[in-house]
Amino acid sequence: MSDCLILVDLQNDYFAGGTMELADADRAAANAQRLLAEFRKNKLPVVHIQHIAARPDATFFLPQTRGAEIHAMVAPNEGETVVVKNYPNSFRDTALLDILKQNNITTLILCGAMSHMCIDATTRAAFDLGFSCVVAEDACATRDLVFKGKTIQAAEVHAAFMAALAVPYARIEETEVIIQGMA
């Protein structure tokens, strides 16, 4: 039984110059990078999730573009698992569940983007599949959303989704707390 770091959709289109820039993407990636370094140091499993757009009207993560590539700050090392997905839920139509089961993984440490979409969908699915989940909230990023003509700021979107995941889906922790817990 083991922990596994799941890095979700930390891809170039979410950063400055990308087609779907997120608020605080650099901060989130820096914290994800710290988690990744700690998992590598402790020789713990890591899975990189890469979203490739399959919808005909998609505007980001388009196949075979620089924007769809995993960001250099958290790029996979040789031998690290990369799971390609086409939906917000990283388990849907992928090998992720089989990979985790084969490696006797019981706890997932999740980070990445977007808090309100793929982090939410993947965490809820993981919980429903029986995994214990920890979301590194300061290693996640999102964007402003508009609802009924009102703009909801990214920080509020992020906070609302972290609050919603906190019970019962996941423990919501800061990167530093997770790293200290690994010591």
C-alpha atoms as a PDB file:
ATOM      1  CA  MET A   1       0.000   0.000   0.000  1.00  0.00           C
ATOM      2  CA  SER A   2       1.346   3.374  -0.937  1.00  0.00           C
ATOM      3  CA  ASP A   3       0.772   7.000  -1.753  1.00  0.00           C
ATOM      4  CA  CYS A   4       0.855   8.304  -5.310  1.00  0.00           C
ATOM      5  CA  LEU A   5       1.191  11.866  -6.576  1.00  0.00           C
ATOM      6  CA  ILE A   6      -1.285  12.709  -9.345  1.00  0.00           C
ATOM      7  CA  LEU A   7      -0.374  15.850 -11.306  1.00  0.00           C
ATOM      8  CA  VAL A   8      -3.416  16.858 -13.348  1.00  0.00           C
ATOM      9  CA  ASP A   9      -3.224  18.948 -16.517  1.00  0.00           C
ATOM     10  CA  LEU A  10      -0.270  21.183 -15.657  1.00  0.00           C
ATOM     11  CA  GLN A  11       0.101  21.990 -19.350  1.00  0.00           C
ATOM     12  CA  ASN A  12       1.407  25.004 -21.239  1.00  0.00           C
ATOM     13  CA  ASP A  13      -1.983  26.344 -22.345  1.00  0.00           C
ATOM     14  CA  TYR A  14      -2.752  27.162 -18.681  1.00  0.00           C
ATOM     15  CA  PHE A  15       0.312  29.426 -18.319  1.00  0.00           C
ATOM     16  CA  ALA A  16       1.235  32.886 -19.620  1.00  0.00           C
ATOM     17  CA  GLY A  17       1.024  32.875 -23.414  1.00  0.00           C
ATOM     18  CA  GLY A  18      -1.296  29.857 -23.438  1.00  0.00           C
ATOM     19  CA  THR A  19      -4.836  29.891 -24.789  1.00  0.00           C
ATOM     20  CA  MET A  20      -6.509  29.355 -21.348  1.00  0.00           C
ATOM     21  CA  GLU A  21      -4.269  31.167 -18.850  1.00  0.00           C
ATOM     22  CA  LEU A  22      -5.184  30.504 -15.222  1.00  0.00           C
ATOM     23  CA  ALA A  23      -4.815  32.742 -12.191  1.00  0.00           C
ATOM     24  CA  ASP A  24      -1.755  31.805 -10.113  1.00  0.00           C
ATOM     25  CA  ALA A  25      -0.668  29.010 -12.463  1.00  0.00           C
ATOM     26  CA  ASP A  26       3.008  29.702 -11.720  1.00  0.00           C
ATOM     27  CA  ARG A  27       2.434  29.497  -7.941  1.00  0.00           C
ATOM     28  CA  ALA A  28       0.491  26.261  -8.320  1.00  0.00           C
ATOM     29  CA  ALA A  29       3.175  24.757 -10.571  1.00  0.00           C
ATOM     30  CA  ALA A  30       5.948  25.787  -8.160  1.00  0.00           C
ATOM     31  CA  ASN A  31       4.166  23.972  -5.329  1.00  0.00           C
ATOM     32  CA  ALA A  32       3.457  20.970  -7.562  1.00  0.00           C
ATOM     33  CA  GLN A  33       7.155  20.966  -8.448  1.00  0.00           C
ATOM     34  CA  ARG A  34       8.030  20.805  -4.723  1.00  0.00           C
ATOM     35  CA  LEU A  35       5.687  17.838  -4.254  1.00  0.00           C
ATOM     36  CA  LEU A  36       7.101  16.147  -7.336  1.00  0.00           C
ATOM     37  CA  ALA A  37      10.676  16.583  -6.061  1.00  0.00           C
ATOM     38  CA  GLU A  38       9.705  15.088  -2.687  1.00  0.00           C
ATOM     39  CA  PHE A  39       7.988  12.088  -4.286  1.00  0.00           C
ATOM     40  CA  ARG A  40      10.970  11.512  -6.559  1.00  0.00           C
ATOM     41  CA  LYS A  41      13.392  11.806  -3.624  1.00  0.00           C
ATOM     42  CA  ASN A  42      11.373   9.218  -1.681  1.00  0.00           C
ATOM     43  CA  LYS A  43      10.984   6.992  -4.770  1.00  0.00           C
ATOM     44  CA  LEU A  44       7.193   7.128  -4.495  1.00  0.00           C
ATOM     45  CA  PRO A  45       4.926   6.686  -7.527  1.00  0.00           C
ATOM     46  CA  VAL A  46       3.990   9.653  -9.694  1.00  0.00           C
ATOM     47  CA  VAL A  47       1.357   9.840 -12.422  1.00  0.00           C
ATOM     48  CA  HIS A  48       1.186  12.785 -14.813  1.00  0.00           C
ATOM     49  CA  ILE A  49      -2.234  13.402 -16.349  1.00  0.00           C
ATOM     50  CA  GLN A  50      -2.270  15.104 -19.755  1.00  0.00           C
ATOM     51  CA  HIS A  51      -5.518  16.326 -21.246  1.00  0.00           C
ATOM     52  CA  ILE A  52      -5.731  16.187 -25.029  1.00  0.00           C
ATOM     53  CA  ALA A  53      -8.796  17.890 -26.464  1.00  0.00           C
ATOM     54  CA  ALA A  54     -11.141  15.612 -28.354  1.00  0.00           C
ATOM     55  CA  ARG A  55     -14.071  17.999 -28.822  1.00  0.00           C
ATOM     56  CA  PRO A  56     -14.247  19.530 -32.314  1.00  0.00           C
ATOM     57  CA  ASP A  57     -14.861  23.016 -30.840  1.00  0.00           C
ATOM     58  CA  ALA A  58     -11.943  22.870 -28.343  1.00  0.00           C
ATOM     59  CA  THR A  59      -9.734  25.946 -28.075  1.00  0.00           C
ATOM     60  CA  PHE A  60      -6.949  24.593 -25.861  1.00  0.00           C
ATOM     61  CA  PHE A  61      -4.967  21.369 -25.294  1.00  0.00           C
ATOM     62  CA  LEU A  62      -5.220  20.751 -29.006  1.00  0.00           C
ATOM     63  CA  PRO A  63      -3.422  17.594 -30.135  1.00  0.00           C
ATOM     64  CA  GLN A  64       0.240  17.944 -31.116  1.00  0.00           C
ATOM     65  CA  THR A  65       0.555  21.573 -29.988  1.00  0.00           C
ATOM     66  CA  ARG A  66       2.987  23.172 -27.559  1.00  0.00           C
ATOM     67  CA  GLY A  67       0.009  24.191 -25.454  1.00  0.00           C
ATOM     68  CA  ALA A  68      -0.923  20.574 -24.807  1.00  0.00           C
ATOM     69  CA  GLU A  69       2.572  19.675 -23.578  1.00  0.00           C
ATOM     70  CA  ILE A  70       3.157  19.218 -19.854  1.00  0.00           C
ATOM     71  CA  HIS A  71       4.795  22.352 -18.419  1.00  0.00           C
ATOM     72  CA  ALA A  72       8.576  22.205 -17.998  1.00  0.00           C
ATOM     73  CA  MET A  73       8.342  22.842 -14.227  1.00  0.00           C
ATOM     74  CA  VAL A  74       6.700  19.438 -13.722  1.00  0.00           C
ATOM     75  CA  ALA A  75       7.715  17.570 -16.870  1.00  0.00           C
ATOM     76  CA  PRO A  76       7.810  13.794 -16.492  1.00  0.00           C
ATOM     77  CA  ASN A  77      11.128  12.067 -16.038  1.00  0.00           C
ATOM     78  CA  GLU A  78      11.882   8.987 -18.086  1.00  0.00           C
ATOM     79  CA  GLY A  79       9.979   6.074 -16.628  1.00  0.00           C
ATOM     80  CA  GLU A  80       7.268   8.172 -14.968  1.00  0.00           C
ATOM     81  CA  THR A  81       3.734   7.315 -16.006  1.00  0.00           C
ATOM     82  CA  VAL A  82       1.787   9.698 -18.244  1.00  0.00           C
ATOM     83  CA  VAL A  83      -1.940   9.063 -18.642  1.00  0.00           C
ATOM     84  CA  VAL A  84      -3.641  10.851 -21.525  1.00  0.00           C
ATOM     85  CA  LYS A  85      -7.284  11.773 -20.986  1.00  0.00           C
ATOM     86  CA  ASN A  86     -10.041  13.471 -22.947  1.00  0.00           C
ATOM     87  CA  TYR A  87     -12.505  14.265 -20.127  1.00  0.00           C
ATOM     88  CA  PRO A  88     -12.373  16.175 -16.822  1.00  0.00           C
ATOM     89  CA  ASN A  89     -12.426  12.920 -14.835  1.00  0.00           C
ATOM     90  CA  SER A  90      -8.933  11.418 -15.134  1.00  0.00           C
ATOM     91  CA  PHE A  91     -10.369   7.910 -14.675  1.00  0.00           C
ATOM     92  CA  ARG A  92     -12.865   8.084 -17.554  1.00  0.00           C
ATOM     93  CA  ASP A  93     -11.715   5.984 -20.513  1.00  0.00           C
ATOM     94  CA  THR A  94      -8.104   5.821 -19.247  1.00  0.00           C
ATOM     95  CA  ALA A  95      -5.867   3.207 -17.654  1.00  0.00           C
ATOM     96  CA  LEU A  96      -5.476   5.239 -14.441  1.00  0.00           C
ATOM     97  CA  LEU A  97      -7.489   2.925 -12.194  1.00  0.00           C
ATOM     98  CA  ASP A  98      -5.639  -0.162 -13.454  1.00  0.00           C
ATOM     99  CA  ILE A  99      -2.259   1.538 -12.942  1.00  0.00           C
ATOM    100  CA  LEU A 100      -3.135   2.484  -9.359  1.00  0.00           C
ATOM    101  CA  LYS A 101      -4.479  -0.982  -8.541  1.00  0.00           C
ATOM    102  CA  GLN A 102      -1.422  -2.715 -10.043  1.00  0.00           C
ATOM    103  CA  ASN A 103       0.790  -0.616  -7.773  1.00  0.00           C
ATOM    104  CA  ASN A 104      -1.332  -1.174  -4.640  1.00  0.00           C
ATOM    105  CA  ILE A 105      -1.986   2.559  -4.313  1.00  0.00           C
ATOM    106  CA  THR A 106      -4.446   3.508  -1.586  1.00  0.00           C
ATOM    107  CA  THR A 107      -3.886   7.254  -1.141  1.00  0.00           C
ATOM    108  CA  LEU A 108      -3.760   9.903  -3.852  1.00  0.00           C
ATOM    109  CA  ILE A 109      -2.120  13.295  -3.450  1.00  0.00           C
ATOM    110  CA  LEU A 110      -3.741  15.429  -6.157  1.00  0.00           C
ATOM    111  CA  CYS A 111      -2.693  18.757  -7.594  1.00  0.00           C
ATOM    112  CA  GLY A 112      -2.988  20.667 -10.843  1.00  0.00           C
ATOM    113  CA  ALA A 113      -5.729  22.323 -12.819  1.00  0.00           C
ATOM    114  CA  MET A 114      -8.422  23.420 -12.943  1.00  0.00           C
ATOM    115  CA  SER A 115      -9.663  23.358  -9.357  1.00  0.00           C
ATOM    116  CA  HIS A 116     -13.300  23.628 -10.417  1.00  0.00           C
ATOM    117  CA  MET A 117     -13.118  21.100 -13.223  1.00  0.00           C
ATOM    118  CA  CYS A 118     -10.544  18.316 -13.493  1.00  0.00           C
ATOM    119  CA  ILE A 119      -9.324  18.419  -9.890  1.00  0.00           C
ATOM    120  CA  ASP A 120     -12.921  18.302  -8.684  1.00  0.00           C
ATOM    121  CA  ALA A 121     -14.001  15.545 -11.111  1.00  0.00           C
ATOM    122  CA  THR A 122     -10.919  13.392 -10.524  1.00  0.00           C
ATOM    123  CA  THR A 123     -11.023  13.731  -6.724  1.00  0.00           C
ATOM    124  CA  ARG A 124     -14.701  12.833  -6.524  1.00  0.00           C
ATOM    125  CA  ALA A 125     -14.202   9.845  -8.833  1.00  0.00           C
ATOM    126  CA  ALA A 126     -11.175   8.662  -6.844  1.00  0.00           C
ATOM    127  CA  PHE A 127     -13.140   8.851  -3.600  1.00  0.00           C
ATOM    128  CA  ASP A 128     -16.015   6.927  -5.167  1.00  0.00           C
ATOM    129  CA  LEU A 129     -13.509   4.275  -6.284  1.00  0.00           C
ATOM    130  CA  GLY A 130     -12.318   3.833  -2.696  1.00  0.00           C
ATOM    131  CA  PHE A 131      -9.134   5.910  -2.604  1.00  0.00           C
ATOM    132  CA  SER A 132      -8.169   8.214   0.242  1.00  0.00           C
ATOM    133  CA  CYS A 133      -7.554  11.619  -1.292  1.00  0.00           C
ATOM    134  CA  VAL A 134      -5.480  14.630  -0.306  1.00  0.00           C
ATOM    135  CA  VAL A 135      -5.705  17.771  -2.441  1.00  0.00           C
ATOM    136  CA  ALA A 136      -2.700  20.098  -2.300  1.00  0.00           C
ATOM    137  CA  GLU A 137      -4.809  23.223  -2.521  1.00  0.00           C
ATOM    138  CA  ASP A 138      -1.929  25.641  -3.067  1.00  0.00           C
ATOM    139  CA  ALA A 139      -0.685  23.439  -5.931  1.00  0.00           C
ATOM    140  CA  CYS A 140      -3.976  23.887  -7.826  1.00  0.00           C
ATOM    141  CA  ALA A 141      -5.116  26.730 -10.051  1.00  0.00           C
ATOM    142  CA  THR A 142      -8.303  27.879 -11.703  1.00  0.00           C
ATOM    143  CA  ARG A 143      -9.752  30.926 -13.464  1.00  0.00           C
ATOM    144  CA  ASP A 144     -12.518  33.469 -13.176  1.00  0.00           C
ATOM    145  CA  LEU A 145     -15.939  32.115 -14.082  1.00  0.00           C
ATOM    146  CA  VAL A 146     -19.074  33.957 -15.182  1.00  0.00           C
ATOM    147  CA  PHE A 147     -22.514  32.947 -13.955  1.00  0.00           C
ATOM    148  CA  LYS A 148     -25.706  34.904 -14.699  1.00  0.00           C
ATOM    149  CA  GLY A 149     -23.650  37.865 -15.833  1.00  0.00           C
ATOM    150  CA  LYS A 150     -21.581  37.982 -12.637  1.00  0.00           C
ATOM    151  CA  THR A 151     -17.852  37.308 -12.618  1.00  0.00           C
ATOM    152  CA  ILE A 152     -16.706  35.024  -9.832  1.00  0.00           C
ATOM    153  CA  GLN A 153     -13.036  35.648  -9.130  1.00  0.00           C
ATOM    154  CA  ALA A 154     -10.639  32.700  -9.432  1.00  0.00           C
ATOM    155  CA  ALA A 155      -9.761  32.837  -5.710  1.00  0.00           C
ATOM    156  CA  GLU A 156     -13.444  32.504  -4.820  1.00  0.00           C
ATOM    157  CA  VAL A 157     -13.971  29.688  -7.333  1.00  0.00           C
ATOM    158  CA  HIS A 158     -10.953  27.866  -5.908  1.00  0.00           C
ATOM    159  CA  ALA A 159     -12.040  28.355  -2.287  1.00  0.00           C
ATOM    160  CA  ALA A 160     -15.585  27.179  -3.014  1.00  0.00           C
ATOM    161  CA  PHE A 161     -14.391  23.994  -4.698  1.00  0.00           C
ATOM    162  CA  MET A 162     -11.831  23.225  -2.000  1.00  0.00           C
ATOM    163  CA  ALA A 163     -14.549  23.717   0.631  1.00  0.00           C
ATOM    164  CA  ALA A 164     -16.900  21.415  -1.281  1.00  0.00           C
ATOM    165  CA  LEU A 165     -14.250  18.692  -1.615  1.00  0.00           C
ATOM    166  CA  ALA A 166     -13.215  18.912   2.049  1.00  0.00           C
ATOM    167  CA  VAL A 167     -16.109  16.776   3.286  1.00  0.00           C
ATOM    168  CA  PRO A 168     -16.165  13.891   2.540  1.00  0.00           C
ATOM    169  CA  TYR A 169     -14.071  13.644  -0.617  1.00  0.00           C
ATOM    170  CA  ALA A 170     -10.595  14.734   0.460  1.00  0.00           C
ATOM    171  CA  ARG A 171      -8.318  16.209   3.035  1.00  0.00           C
ATOM    172  CA  ILE A 172      -7.408  19.683   1.804  1.00  0.00           C
ATOM    173  CA  GLU A 173      -3.823  20.573   2.729  1.00  0.00           C
ATOM    174  CA  GLU A 174      -1.092  23.019   1.828  1.00  0.00           C
ATOM    175  CA  THR A 175       1.993  21.682   0.077  1.00  0.00           C
ATOM    176  CA  GLU A 176       4.222  22.308   3.083  1.00  0.00           C
ATOM    177  CA  VAL A 177       1.948  20.266   5.373  1.00  0.00           C
ATOM    178  CA  ILE A 178       1.989  17.357   2.928  1.00  0.00           C
ATOM    179  CA  ILE A 179       5.777  17.454   2.638  1.00  0.00           C
ATOM    180  CA  GLN A 180       6.203  17.629   6.415  1.00  0.00           C
ATOM    181  CA  GLY A 181       3.914  14.618   6.748  1.00  0.00           C
ATOM    182  CA  MET A 182       6.171  12.640   4.431  1.00  0.00           C
ATOM    183  CA  ALA A 183       9.228  13.187   6.655  1.00  0.00           C
END
